[in-house]
Amino acid sequence: MPRYLLFPGRHHLLTRFQAEYLRRLATATDGDAATEAATATATATDGDGDGDAATDAGSAGDGPADGVTVVWAVTSANHENTRRNPVPYHRREAAIERFSLLAGLRSVVVPVFDTAPTDRFAEVTLKTVAAATGLELTPAQTVVACSTPEVAAMYTRLGFPVAGVEADVEPPPARPWDVLLRLAADDPTWRDLAHPATVDVYARYRLDDLVRSVVNDPLVGDEGGLTATRDYRTYAEAFADAAQRKWDAVREHVRPGRIVDVGCGAGAVLERADREPALRESDLIGVEVARHLYEECVHKKAQGFFTNPNVFFYRRNVLGGAVFAPRSVDTTLTFALTHEIWSYGDRLASLRRFVQAIYDHTVPGGVWINSDVCGPDGRDRTVRLRLSDTDGVNPAHPRTDLAELPPARAAAYVSGLSTRARLDQFAVDVTFPFGYRAVADDVVELTLGAAMDFLTRKDYTDNWLSETREQFCGLEYADWKGLLADVGFEVDPASGTSRNEWIVTNRLAPVAALSTPDGAALDWPVTHVLLVARRPLNT
């Protein structure tokens, strides 16, 4: 009989089957405890978790098994609000503790932080348990309960006996993740399979709504970012470098009160707002969907970067549902965000939904300030674009395998291309409609919007496969004004477009030239927009 049952897993949801299985495993008396537990549990349940014994596991048993401790190694404990890890660790821990009480199990819960993929993850978990609890788990006194073959194999190699949990039973019962997906799909049978401890904690903290929102989110990937190819370190650094300039551009339009920065990145703009004496009585709220950036915001707050005690951060996707109550926000800030909603969502439909959500949570008289890239006026007209073919190499054909290369190699390859060759590569990797016609070795014909989409993306080689998913020129200024009016906003006269002269001087003019189809030179168009949109007082 073991002294310890090590139960590694993410444990976002606990099942009735698990309660009965663990109780029988903890109280088995012969040398093959796993077989005895599996046999007894299979007899007690019908494979769907709704047998009498499984139901009985929802109420207190005979008390904790004497001398047997279940060690719950909760993996990905530092992840939350992602499709792969929707439930925060502290809520998982609460459900496990309640589960243990109801099932009559003596338990110890240990958080295990996520790591890069490694075939030594079993050793990492054992060392984490030892560091957190002082328990040195060995094969002589520990059975590992694990239904994932790849993970179970790691412990088998270390000599641990393994109990297969769901994998021990035929037909296999619903696994916890399958039950969670039933919840996300609004299948009410999830409650019949989930343990009462999970149902209770989910109800008290509205975790069922959270799971549905996160798992069904159309924009956010499994790991909590818009794209798996983005280097968030360089992304955050770029935002920090520009934060003061961005704040200076919008400060005069900010209305004190409840100030929300949607897509706040690592919180750099809110740091500037925090330094404003006139805003010391305001609430400063950052909303960020990317896990990496949200975690940096929380870290900054913990390290004392903010002097205002009313600074808060939320990890939410505004498109996934209302984040704030109607008419509750005085100022909403968005920087370089709306083109991402357009690009990663359903273009105009997603953007309209976002603008409507901003309008709904804005108080009458409140303001939404949006600074972002912008398409040129007349973006659909045909132009000619001359591109340098002497500033890099010119392969016979663009590559189609950049996604398979290490990021550094892909970046080095794109950086080595001439501007003309980079256009051919862009056309291969871009994920939105894009076309052109070659009229000479170094001249192509295309729409003005397509020309500017390429020219404003061509130098982002470090995040090439991420940037080629983003369309900068989906809307021009007239489109923006029409959209805001449709939703109900009034466009302040301070709104308007601008051209980034540094980009023109350093990125465009040295390697490219615009002209009409008949050869008349064209000036470089606008590249950015500032929108100051107010909700009318009479709404």
Protein backbone atom coordinates (compact mmCIF):
# COMPACT_ATOMS: atom_id res chain seq x y z
CA MET A 1 0.00 0.00 0.00
CA PRO A 2 1.53 3.36 -1.04
CA ARG A 3 2.06 6.27 1.28
CA TYR A 4 1.55 8.79 -1.52
CA LEU A 5 -0.53 9.07 -4.68
CA LEU A 6 1.01 11.60 -7.04
CA PHE A 7 -1.71 13.00 -9.32
CA PRO A 8 -0.16 15.36 -11.91
CA GLY A 9 -2.40 17.31 -14.29
CA ARG A 10 -3.92 20.67 -15.05
CA HIS A 11 -7.05 19.81 -13.00
CA HIS A 12 -9.32 22.51 -14.40
CA LEU A 13 -12.28 20.25 -13.78
CA LEU A 14 -12.71 17.31 -11.39
CA THR A 15 -15.04 14.40 -12.04
CA ARG A 16 -17.11 12.00 -9.99
CA PHE A 17 -15.17 9.16 -11.54
CA GLN A 18 -11.89 10.60 -10.24
CA ALA A 19 -13.27 10.77 -6.70
CA GLU A 20 -14.26 7.12 -6.64
CA TYR A 21 -11.08 5.99 -8.38
CA LEU A 22 -8.77 7.87 -6.02
CA ARG A 23 -10.62 6.66 -2.92
CA ARG A 24 -10.33 3.06 -4.01
CA LEU A 25 -6.70 3.51 -5.01
CA ALA A 26 -5.92 5.07 -1.62
CA THR A 27 -7.61 2.23 0.30
CA ALA A 28 -6.46 -0.74 -1.83
CA THR A 29 -4.64 -3.31 0.30
CA ASP A 30 -2.96 -5.79 -2.07
CA GLY A 31 0.21 -5.39 -4.09
CA ASP A 32 -1.58 -4.32 -7.23
CA ALA A 33 -3.43 -1.31 -5.95
CA ALA A 34 -3.98 0.20 -9.40
CA THR A 35 -5.65 -2.94 -10.75
CA GLU A 36 -7.87 -3.28 -7.69
CA ALA A 37 -8.95 0.37 -7.90
CA ALA A 38 -9.66 0.14 -11.61
CA THR A 39 -11.68 -3.05 -11.27
CA ALA A 40 -13.73 -1.77 -8.36
CA THR A 41 -14.34 1.57 -10.02
CA ALA A 42 -15.34 -0.04 -13.30
CA THR A 43 -17.83 -2.17 -11.43
CA ALA A 44 -19.19 0.83 -9.55
CA THR A 45 -19.67 3.05 -12.61
CA ASP A 46 -21.07 2.62 -16.07
CA GLY A 47 -18.19 4.45 -17.79
CA ASP A 48 -20.06 7.76 -17.91
CA GLY A 49 -19.54 8.73 -14.29
CA ASP A 50 -23.21 8.49 -13.27
CA GLY A 51 -23.21 5.21 -11.30
CA ASP A 52 -24.29 5.05 -7.69
CA ALA A 53 -20.78 4.74 -6.29
CA ALA A 54 -19.61 7.73 -8.27
CA THR A 55 -22.55 9.73 -7.00
CA ASP A 56 -21.77 8.67 -3.46
CA ALA A 57 -18.28 10.08 -3.95
CA GLY A 58 -19.84 13.53 -3.86
CA SER A 59 -20.49 13.17 -0.15
CA ALA A 60 -18.03 12.54 2.65
CA GLY A 61 -16.71 9.01 2.83
CA ASP A 62 -15.20 7.21 5.77
CA GLY A 63 -12.60 9.92 6.33
CA PRO A 64 -9.10 10.29 4.85
CA ALA A 65 -7.36 7.03 4.05
CA ASP A 66 -4.99 6.36 6.93
CA GLY A 67 -1.46 7.29 6.05
CA VAL A 68 -2.16 7.90 2.32
CA THR A 69 -1.76 11.40 0.91
CA VAL A 70 -2.81 12.46 -2.58
CA VAL A 71 -0.26 14.94 -3.92
CA TRP A 72 -1.94 17.05 -6.57
CA ALA A 73 0.75 18.48 -8.86
CA VAL A 74 -1.24 21.21 -10.65
CA THR A 75 0.64 21.89 -13.87
CA SER A 76 0.46 25.16 -15.85
CA ALA A 77 -0.30 26.80 -12.51
CA ASN A 78 0.98 30.16 -13.76
CA HIS A 79 -1.37 30.14 -16.74
CA GLU A 80 -4.99 31.26 -16.79
CA ASN A 81 -7.56 32.63 -19.21
CA THR A 82 -6.12 30.68 -22.13
CA ARG A 83 -7.91 28.07 -24.18
CA ARG A 84 -5.52 25.42 -22.85
CA ASN A 85 -5.69 26.70 -19.26
CA PRO A 86 -8.92 28.63 -18.69
CA VAL A 87 -9.22 28.42 -14.89
CA PRO A 88 -6.82 30.28 -12.54
CA TYR A 89 -4.71 28.12 -10.24
CA HIS A 90 -6.21 29.45 -7.02
CA ARG A 91 -9.69 28.42 -8.17
CA ARG A 92 -8.41 24.97 -9.16
CA GLU A 93 -6.82 24.65 -5.73
CA ALA A 94 -10.08 25.61 -4.02
CA ALA A 95 -11.99 22.95 -5.96
CA ILE A 96 -9.36 20.30 -5.15
CA GLU A 97 -9.50 21.05 -1.43
CA ARG A 98 -13.31 20.83 -1.42
CA PHE A 99 -13.18 17.68 -3.56
CA SER A 100 -10.77 16.07 -1.07
CA LEU A 101 -13.00 16.88 1.87
CA LEU A 102 -16.12 15.46 0.20
CA ALA A 103 -14.32 12.37 -1.13
CA GLY A 104 -12.58 11.61 2.16
CA LEU A 105 -9.05 12.13 0.82
CA ARG A 106 -6.03 13.59 2.55
CA SER A 107 -4.47 15.92 -0.01
CA VAL A 108 -1.56 18.26 -0.58
CA VAL A 109 -1.81 20.69 -3.51
CA VAL A 110 1.35 21.92 -5.25
CA PRO A 111 1.51 24.47 -8.09
CA VAL A 112 3.86 23.53 -10.94
CA PHE A 113 4.76 26.33 -13.34
CA ASP A 114 4.67 25.78 -17.08
CA THR A 115 7.96 24.97 -18.79
CA ALA A 116 9.19 24.60 -22.33
CA PRO A 117 8.54 21.06 -23.66
CA THR A 118 11.00 18.64 -22.06
CA ASP A 119 11.25 14.88 -21.61
CA ARG A 120 12.37 15.55 -18.05
CA PHE A 121 9.10 17.12 -16.94
CA ALA A 122 8.49 14.29 -14.45
CA GLU A 123 11.76 15.16 -12.69
CA VAL A 124 10.80 18.85 -12.72
CA THR A 125 7.48 18.02 -11.09
CA LEU A 126 9.05 15.83 -8.40
CA LYS A 127 11.59 18.52 -7.57
CA THR A 128 8.83 21.14 -7.38
CA VAL A 129 6.88 18.97 -4.95
CA ALA A 130 10.00 18.52 -2.82
CA ALA A 131 10.76 22.24 -2.79
CA ALA A 132 7.18 23.22 -1.93
CA THR A 133 6.35 20.55 0.65
CA GLY A 134 9.54 18.76 1.70
CA LEU A 135 8.11 15.47 0.38
CA GLU A 136 10.70 13.35 -1.42
CA LEU A 137 8.51 11.06 -3.51
CA THR A 138 10.13 7.77 -4.49
CA PRO A 139 8.93 4.69 -6.41
CA ALA A 140 9.01 2.68 -3.19
CA GLN A 141 6.29 4.72 -1.49
CA THR A 142 4.46 6.48 -4.34
CA VAL A 143 1.97 5.47 -7.04
CA VAL A 144 1.51 7.95 -9.90
CA ALA A 145 -2.09 8.40 -11.10
CA CYS A 146 -1.99 9.56 -14.71
CA SER A 147 -4.09 8.85 -17.80
CA THR A 148 -1.87 10.62 -20.35
CA PRO A 149 0.40 8.01 -21.96
CA GLU A 150 3.29 10.37 -22.74
CA VAL A 151 3.40 11.70 -19.18
CA ALA A 152 2.89 8.27 -17.62
CA ALA A 153 5.87 6.97 -19.63
CA MET A 154 8.12 9.61 -18.04
CA TYR A 155 7.31 8.31 -14.54
CA THR A 156 7.60 4.68 -15.65
CA ARG A 157 11.15 5.36 -16.81
CA LEU A 158 11.91 6.64 -13.31
CA GLY A 159 10.61 3.40 -11.81
CA PHE A 160 7.27 4.63 -10.46
CA PRO A 161 4.23 2.36 -10.62
CA VAL A 162 1.51 4.07 -12.65
CA ALA A 163 -2.27 3.85 -12.26
CA GLY A 164 -4.02 4.81 -15.48
CA VAL A 165 -7.17 6.43 -13.99
CA GLU A 166 -9.58 6.73 -16.96
CA ALA A 167 -7.21 4.65 -19.11
CA ASP A 168 -7.68 1.70 -16.70
CA VAL A 169 -11.39 1.34 -17.41
CA GLU A 170 -13.30 -0.13 -20.36
CA PRO A 171 -15.19 1.51 -21.79
CA PRO A 172 -13.20 4.59 -20.70
CA PRO A 173 -15.22 7.23 -18.82
CA ALA A 174 -15.31 10.84 -19.92
CA ARG A 175 -12.02 12.55 -19.13
CA PRO A 176 -12.06 15.90 -17.30
CA TRP A 177 -11.13 17.90 -20.40
CA ASP A 178 -13.95 16.26 -22.36
CA VAL A 179 -16.35 17.26 -19.60
CA LEU A 180 -15.03 20.83 -19.67
CA LEU A 181 -15.62 20.96 -23.44
CA ARG A 182 -19.20 19.82 -22.84
CA LEU A 183 -19.58 22.81 -20.53
CA ALA A 184 -18.12 25.13 -23.20
CA ALA A 185 -20.62 23.72 -25.71
CA ASP A 186 -23.56 24.36 -23.34
CA ASP A 187 -24.15 20.63 -22.93
CA PRO A 188 -25.95 20.31 -19.56
CA THR A 189 -24.67 16.74 -19.04
CA TRP A 190 -21.36 18.19 -17.84
CA ARG A 191 -22.94 18.65 -14.42
CA ASP A 192 -23.75 14.93 -14.21
CA LEU A 193 -20.11 14.03 -14.81
CA ALA A 194 -18.34 16.79 -12.87
CA HIS A 195 -17.74 16.34 -9.16
CA PRO A 196 -19.99 18.46 -6.88
CA ALA A 197 -16.89 20.33 -5.66
CA THR A 198 -16.21 21.58 -9.19
CA VAL A 199 -19.86 22.44 -9.79
CA ASP A 200 -19.95 24.39 -6.52
CA VAL A 201 -16.74 26.37 -7.09
CA TYR A 202 -17.67 27.06 -10.72
CA ALA A 203 -21.07 28.40 -9.64
CA ARG A 204 -19.75 30.59 -6.83
CA TYR A 205 -17.06 32.22 -8.95
CA ARG A 206 -18.91 32.14 -12.30
CA LEU A 207 -16.17 29.96 -13.77
CA ASP A 208 -18.63 28.29 -16.13
CA ASP A 209 -19.09 31.63 -17.91
CA LEU A 210 -15.32 32.14 -17.94
CA VAL A 211 -14.71 28.71 -19.49
CA ARG A 212 -17.30 29.28 -22.20
CA SER A 213 -15.85 32.69 -23.03
CA VAL A 214 -12.21 31.58 -23.16
CA VAL A 215 -12.62 28.22 -24.88
CA ASN A 216 -14.93 29.64 -27.53
CA ASP A 217 -12.93 32.82 -28.12
CA PRO A 218 -12.51 33.25 -31.90
CA LEU A 219 -9.35 35.35 -31.65
CA VAL A 220 -7.16 34.07 -28.86
CA GLY A 221 -5.02 30.96 -29.34
CA ASP A 222 -4.38 28.06 -27.00
CA GLU A 223 -1.56 29.89 -25.20
CA GLY A 224 -3.39 33.17 -24.75
CA GLY A 225 -2.02 35.33 -27.57
CA LEU A 226 -3.41 36.54 -30.86
CA THR A 227 -0.68 34.67 -32.69
CA ALA A 228 1.87 32.03 -31.78
CA THR A 229 4.55 33.67 -33.93
CA ARG A 230 4.84 37.01 -32.14
CA ASP A 231 7.93 37.88 -30.13
CA TYR A 232 6.25 39.62 -27.19
CA ARG A 233 9.56 40.83 -25.77
CA THR A 234 10.34 43.04 -28.76
CA TYR A 235 6.67 43.96 -29.01
CA ALA A 236 6.60 45.24 -25.42
CA GLU A 237 9.89 47.09 -25.87
CA ALA A 238 8.55 48.94 -28.92
CA PHE A 239 5.44 50.00 -27.02
CA ALA A 240 7.47 51.19 -24.04
CA ASP A 241 9.70 53.30 -26.29
CA ALA A 242 6.67 55.03 -27.82
CA ALA A 243 4.57 55.36 -24.64
CA GLN A 244 5.44 58.96 -23.81
CA ARG A 245 4.77 60.11 -27.37
CA LYS A 246 1.42 58.34 -27.37
CA TRP A 247 0.42 59.80 -24.02
CA ASP A 248 1.41 63.32 -25.08
CA ALA A 249 -0.82 62.98 -28.16
CA VAL A 250 -3.96 62.07 -26.22
CA ARG A 251 -3.54 63.59 -22.74
CA GLU A 252 -5.63 66.70 -23.40
CA HIS A 253 -8.62 64.61 -24.47
CA VAL A 254 -8.65 62.29 -21.43
CA ARG A 255 -11.65 62.71 -19.14
CA PRO A 256 -10.88 61.96 -15.45
CA GLY A 257 -12.83 59.25 -13.70
CA ARG A 258 -12.67 55.64 -14.81
CA ILE A 259 -9.93 55.41 -17.43
CA VAL A 260 -9.50 52.16 -19.33
CA ASP A 261 -6.63 51.24 -21.67
CA VAL A 262 -7.85 48.35 -23.84
CA GLY A 263 -4.92 46.42 -25.28
CA CYS A 264 -2.65 48.03 -22.70
CA GLY A 265 0.38 45.90 -23.60
CA ALA A 266 2.77 45.91 -20.66
CA GLY A 267 1.07 48.96 -19.12
CA ALA A 268 3.49 51.62 -20.38
CA VAL A 269 0.85 54.26 -21.20
CA LEU A 270 -0.91 53.73 -17.87
CA GLU A 271 2.44 54.37 -16.19
CA ARG A 272 2.36 57.86 -17.76
CA ALA A 273 -1.24 58.39 -16.69
CA ASP A 274 -0.26 57.33 -13.17
CA ARG A 275 2.19 60.25 -13.02
CA GLU A 276 -0.49 62.88 -13.78
CA PRO A 277 -1.51 64.84 -10.64
CA ALA A 278 -4.87 65.68 -12.23
CA LEU A 279 -5.69 61.97 -12.49
CA ARG A 280 -4.69 60.92 -8.98
CA GLU A 281 -8.36 60.36 -8.03
CA SER A 282 -9.09 58.38 -11.20
CA ASP A 283 -9.22 54.61 -11.56
CA LEU A 284 -6.63 53.40 -14.06
CA ILE A 285 -7.57 50.08 -15.60
CA GLY A 286 -5.59 48.04 -18.11
CA VAL A 287 -7.20 45.32 -20.23
CA GLU A 288 -4.89 42.95 -22.11
CA VAL A 289 -5.71 39.72 -23.91
CA ALA A 290 -2.15 38.42 -24.46
CA ARG A 291 -1.04 36.36 -21.48
CA HIS A 292 2.64 37.36 -21.72
CA LEU A 293 1.83 41.08 -21.60
CA TYR A 294 -0.83 40.78 -18.90
CA GLU A 295 1.62 38.93 -16.64
CA GLU A 296 4.13 41.77 -17.09
CA CYS A 297 1.45 44.30 -16.04
CA VAL A 298 0.74 42.35 -12.87
CA HIS A 299 4.46 42.07 -12.17
CA LYS A 300 4.93 45.82 -12.56
CA LYS A 301 2.11 46.54 -10.13
CA ALA A 302 3.60 44.14 -7.59
CA GLN A 303 6.98 45.84 -7.96
CA GLY A 304 5.55 49.29 -7.17
CA PHE A 305 5.65 50.87 -10.64
CA PHE A 306 2.32 52.61 -9.91
CA THR A 307 1.68 55.13 -7.15
CA ASN A 308 -2.10 55.31 -7.62
CA PRO A 309 -3.64 52.54 -5.47
CA ASN A 310 -6.57 52.31 -7.90
CA VAL A 311 -4.66 50.63 -10.73
CA PHE A 312 -6.16 47.35 -11.89
CA PHE A 313 -5.48 44.88 -14.70
CA TYR A 314 -7.85 42.47 -16.34
CA ARG A 315 -7.08 39.69 -18.78
CA ARG A 316 -10.05 39.86 -21.10
CA ASN A 317 -11.02 39.92 -24.76
CA VAL A 318 -13.57 42.69 -25.28
CA LEU A 319 -14.99 40.79 -28.25
CA GLY A 320 -15.72 37.84 -25.99
CA GLY A 321 -18.40 39.76 -24.08
CA ALA A 322 -18.90 42.85 -21.98
CA VAL A 323 -15.97 43.62 -19.68
CA PHE A 324 -17.49 46.70 -18.03
CA ALA A 325 -21.02 47.60 -17.08
CA PRO A 326 -23.00 49.86 -19.43
CA ARG A 327 -22.23 53.58 -19.07
CA SER A 328 -19.45 52.99 -16.53
CA VAL A 329 -16.24 54.19 -18.25
CA ASP A 330 -15.28 57.85 -18.70
CA THR A 331 -12.29 57.41 -21.03
CA THR A 332 -11.28 54.45 -23.16
CA LEU A 333 -7.83 54.42 -24.76
CA THR A 334 -6.76 52.13 -27.59
CA PHE A 335 -3.36 52.26 -29.24
CA ALA A 336 -2.42 50.14 -32.26
CA LEU A 337 -5.27 47.77 -31.43
CA THR A 338 -8.11 48.20 -33.91
CA HIS A 339 -6.09 46.95 -36.88
CA GLU A 340 -5.44 43.74 -34.92
CA ILE A 341 -9.15 43.25 -34.28
CA TRP A 342 -9.72 43.75 -38.01
CA SER A 343 -6.90 41.37 -38.95
CA TYR A 344 -7.40 38.52 -36.50
CA GLY A 345 -11.17 38.69 -36.40
CA ASP A 346 -13.83 38.88 -39.06
CA ARG A 347 -12.70 42.19 -40.53
CA LEU A 348 -15.43 44.85 -40.39
CA ALA A 349 -17.91 42.66 -38.49
CA SER A 350 -15.46 42.18 -35.60
CA LEU A 351 -14.43 45.83 -35.60
CA ARG A 352 -18.04 47.00 -35.53
CA ARG A 353 -18.72 44.67 -32.59
CA PHE A 354 -15.72 46.13 -30.77
CA VAL A 355 -16.76 49.74 -31.40
CA GLN A 356 -20.27 48.92 -30.18
CA ALA A 357 -18.84 47.41 -26.97
CA ILE A 358 -16.81 50.59 -26.37
CA TYR A 359 -19.88 52.76 -26.97
CA ASP A 360 -22.00 50.66 -24.62
CA HIS A 361 -19.60 50.94 -21.67
CA THR A 362 -18.93 54.68 -22.19
CA VAL A 363 -20.79 57.18 -19.97
CA PRO A 364 -22.77 59.89 -21.75
CA GLY A 365 -20.24 62.62 -22.39
CA GLY A 366 -17.40 60.12 -22.15
CA VAL A 367 -14.73 59.65 -24.78
CA TRP A 368 -13.01 56.92 -26.75
CA ILE A 369 -9.53 57.86 -28.01
CA ASN A 370 -8.17 55.57 -30.71
CA SER A 371 -4.69 55.91 -32.21
CA ASP A 372 -3.76 53.46 -34.92
CA VAL A 373 -2.55 52.93 -38.45
CA CYS A 374 -4.88 53.96 -41.26
CA GLY A 375 -5.41 53.23 -44.92
CA PRO A 376 -4.77 56.00 -47.46
CA ASP A 377 -7.62 58.02 -48.91
CA GLY A 378 -8.70 56.35 -52.13
CA ARG A 379 -7.04 53.10 -51.13
CA ASP A 380 -8.68 51.15 -53.99
CA ARG A 381 -7.23 53.22 -56.83
CA THR A 382 -4.53 51.63 -58.99
CA VAL A 383 -0.95 52.87 -58.64
CA ARG A 384 2.51 51.81 -59.71
CA LEU A 385 5.20 51.03 -57.15
CA ARG A 386 8.88 51.04 -58.01
CA LEU A 387 10.97 48.97 -55.60
CA SER A 388 14.72 48.61 -55.21
CA ASP A 389 16.13 45.26 -56.34
CA THR A 390 19.73 46.11 -55.45
CA ASP A 391 19.46 46.28 -51.64
CA GLY A 392 19.46 42.51 -51.11
CA VAL A 393 19.28 39.15 -52.81
CA ASN A 394 16.71 38.24 -55.46
CA PRO A 395 15.85 34.51 -55.34
CA ALA A 396 14.20 32.95 -58.38
CA HIS A 397 11.16 32.10 -56.24
CA PRO A 398 9.88 33.07 -52.76
CA ARG A 399 10.07 30.45 -50.02
CA THR A 400 6.95 28.63 -48.88
CA ASP A 401 8.40 27.08 -45.73
CA LEU A 402 9.19 30.03 -43.45
CA ALA A 403 6.78 28.75 -40.80
CA GLU A 404 8.89 25.59 -40.49
CA LEU A 405 12.14 27.48 -39.82
CA PRO A 406 13.37 28.65 -36.41
CA PRO A 407 12.25 32.29 -35.98
CA ALA A 408 15.81 33.64 -36.10
CA ARG A 409 16.51 31.88 -39.40
CA ALA A 410 13.25 33.09 -40.93
CA ALA A 411 14.02 36.66 -39.85
CA ALA A 412 17.55 36.47 -41.26
CA TYR A 413 16.27 35.15 -44.58
CA VAL A 414 13.67 37.91 -45.02
CA SER A 415 16.14 40.58 -43.90
CA GLY A 416 18.52 39.50 -46.64
CA LEU A 417 15.99 39.97 -49.46
CA SER A 418 15.87 43.02 -51.68
CA THR A 419 12.79 45.20 -51.28
CA ARG A 420 11.46 43.87 -54.60
CA ALA A 421 12.03 40.24 -53.56
CA ARG A 422 10.50 40.95 -50.19
CA LEU A 423 7.27 41.91 -51.97
CA ASP A 424 7.14 38.46 -53.58
CA GLN A 425 7.72 36.85 -50.17
CA PHE A 426 5.05 39.05 -48.60
CA ALA A 427 2.53 37.90 -51.21
CA VAL A 428 3.22 34.27 -50.22
CA ASP A 429 2.95 34.78 -46.46
CA VAL A 430 0.16 37.38 -46.23
CA THR A 431 -3.19 36.11 -44.92
CA PHE A 432 -5.49 38.79 -46.34
CA PRO A 433 -6.38 39.43 -50.01
CA PHE A 434 -3.31 40.84 -51.75
CA GLY A 435 -2.36 40.99 -55.41
CA TYR A 436 -0.12 42.84 -57.87
CA ARG A 437 1.01 42.72 -61.47
CA ALA A 438 4.64 43.05 -62.53
CA VAL A 439 5.12 45.62 -65.30
CA ALA A 440 8.94 45.70 -65.17
CA ASP A 441 11.71 44.03 -63.18
CA ASP A 442 11.42 46.62 -60.43
CA VAL A 443 7.89 48.00 -61.00
CA VAL A 444 4.53 46.50 -60.00
CA GLU A 445 0.95 47.69 -60.39
CA LEU A 446 -1.47 47.29 -57.50
CA THR A 447 -3.95 49.24 -55.39
CA LEU A 448 -2.71 52.09 -53.22
CA GLY A 449 -3.95 50.27 -50.12
CA ALA A 450 -2.04 47.09 -51.04
CA ALA A 451 1.09 49.15 -51.75
CA MET A 452 0.96 50.77 -48.31
CA ASP A 453 0.15 47.48 -46.59
CA PHE A 454 3.38 46.03 -47.96
CA LEU A 455 5.50 49.13 -47.41
CA THR A 456 4.44 49.51 -43.78
CA ARG A 457 5.07 45.79 -43.05
CA LYS A 458 8.25 45.10 -45.01
CA ASP A 459 10.71 46.01 -42.25
CA TYR A 460 9.12 43.93 -39.47
CA THR A 461 11.30 40.93 -40.16
CA ASP A 462 11.66 39.82 -36.51
CA ASN A 463 7.93 39.10 -36.39
CA TRP A 464 7.42 38.51 -40.11
CA LEU A 465 4.85 35.70 -39.93
CA SER A 466 2.88 37.61 -37.33
CA GLU A 467 3.02 40.94 -39.14
CA THR A 468 1.99 39.46 -42.48
CA ARG A 469 -1.30 38.52 -40.83
CA GLU A 470 -2.05 42.14 -39.98
CA GLN A 471 -3.70 44.49 -42.45
CA PHE A 472 -3.00 48.15 -41.79
CA CYS A 473 -5.06 49.62 -44.61
CA GLY A 474 -8.43 47.94 -44.19
CA LEU A 475 -10.17 51.28 -43.47
CA GLU A 476 -9.49 54.81 -44.60
CA TYR A 477 -10.52 57.90 -42.64
CA ALA A 478 -13.94 58.27 -44.32
CA ASP A 479 -14.73 54.65 -43.40
CA TRP A 480 -13.83 55.33 -39.78
CA LYS A 481 -16.09 58.37 -39.56
CA GLY A 482 -18.96 56.43 -41.06
CA LEU A 483 -18.52 53.53 -38.65
CA LEU A 484 -18.39 55.77 -35.58
CA ALA A 485 -21.52 57.64 -36.68
CA ASP A 486 -23.38 54.39 -37.30
CA VAL A 487 -22.69 53.22 -33.74
CA GLY A 488 -23.68 56.56 -32.20
CA PHE A 489 -20.39 58.34 -31.48
CA GLU A 490 -19.75 61.97 -32.38
CA VAL A 491 -16.34 62.59 -34.00
CA ASP A 492 -14.49 65.40 -32.24
CA PRO A 493 -12.83 68.01 -34.50
CA ALA A 494 -9.50 67.01 -32.94
CA SER A 495 -9.70 63.78 -34.94
CA GLY A 496 -7.71 63.42 -38.14
CA THR A 497 -5.03 61.61 -40.10
CA SER A 498 -1.29 62.08 -40.25
CA ARG A 499 1.79 60.77 -42.00
CA ASN A 500 4.75 59.36 -40.12
CA GLU A 501 7.57 61.38 -41.63
CA TRP A 502 10.25 59.21 -40.06
CA ILE A 503 8.86 56.17 -41.85
CA VAL A 504 8.73 58.09 -45.13
CA THR A 505 12.29 59.38 -44.79
CA ASN A 506 13.91 56.22 -43.48
CA ARG A 507 11.80 53.30 -44.72
CA LEU A 508 9.94 54.32 -47.86
CA ALA A 509 11.70 56.99 -49.90
CA PRO A 510 15.14 55.27 -49.99
CA VAL A 511 13.81 52.07 -51.62
CA ALA A 512 10.42 52.87 -53.20
CA ALA A 513 8.50 55.39 -55.28
CA LEU A 514 4.79 55.79 -56.04
CA SER A 515 3.26 56.94 -59.32
CA THR A 516 0.03 56.82 -61.29
CA PRO A 517 -0.32 54.15 -63.99
CA ASP A 518 0.73 56.74 -66.57
CA GLY A 519 3.89 57.62 -64.67
CA ALA A 520 2.97 60.80 -62.76
CA ALA A 521 4.72 60.91 -59.39
CA LEU A 522 2.57 60.57 -56.28
CA ASP A 523 3.32 61.83 -52.79
CA TRP A 524 3.31 59.39 -49.91
CA PRO A 525 -0.17 59.13 -48.33
CA VAL A 526 -1.27 59.27 -44.70
CA THR A 527 -0.30 56.37 -42.46
CA HIS A 528 -2.03 57.00 -39.10
CA VAL A 529 -5.30 58.17 -37.59
CA LEU A 530 -6.27 59.77 -34.27
CA LEU A 531 -9.96 59.40 -33.45
CA VAL A 532 -11.53 61.27 -30.56
CA ALA A 533 -15.07 59.90 -30.36
CA ARG A 534 -17.56 61.11 -27.77
CA ARG A 535 -20.80 59.57 -26.63
CA PRO A 536 -23.44 62.33 -26.75
CA LEU A 537 -24.74 63.57 -23.41
CA ASN A 538 -28.35 62.90 -24.36
CA THR A 539 -27.81 59.16 -24.78
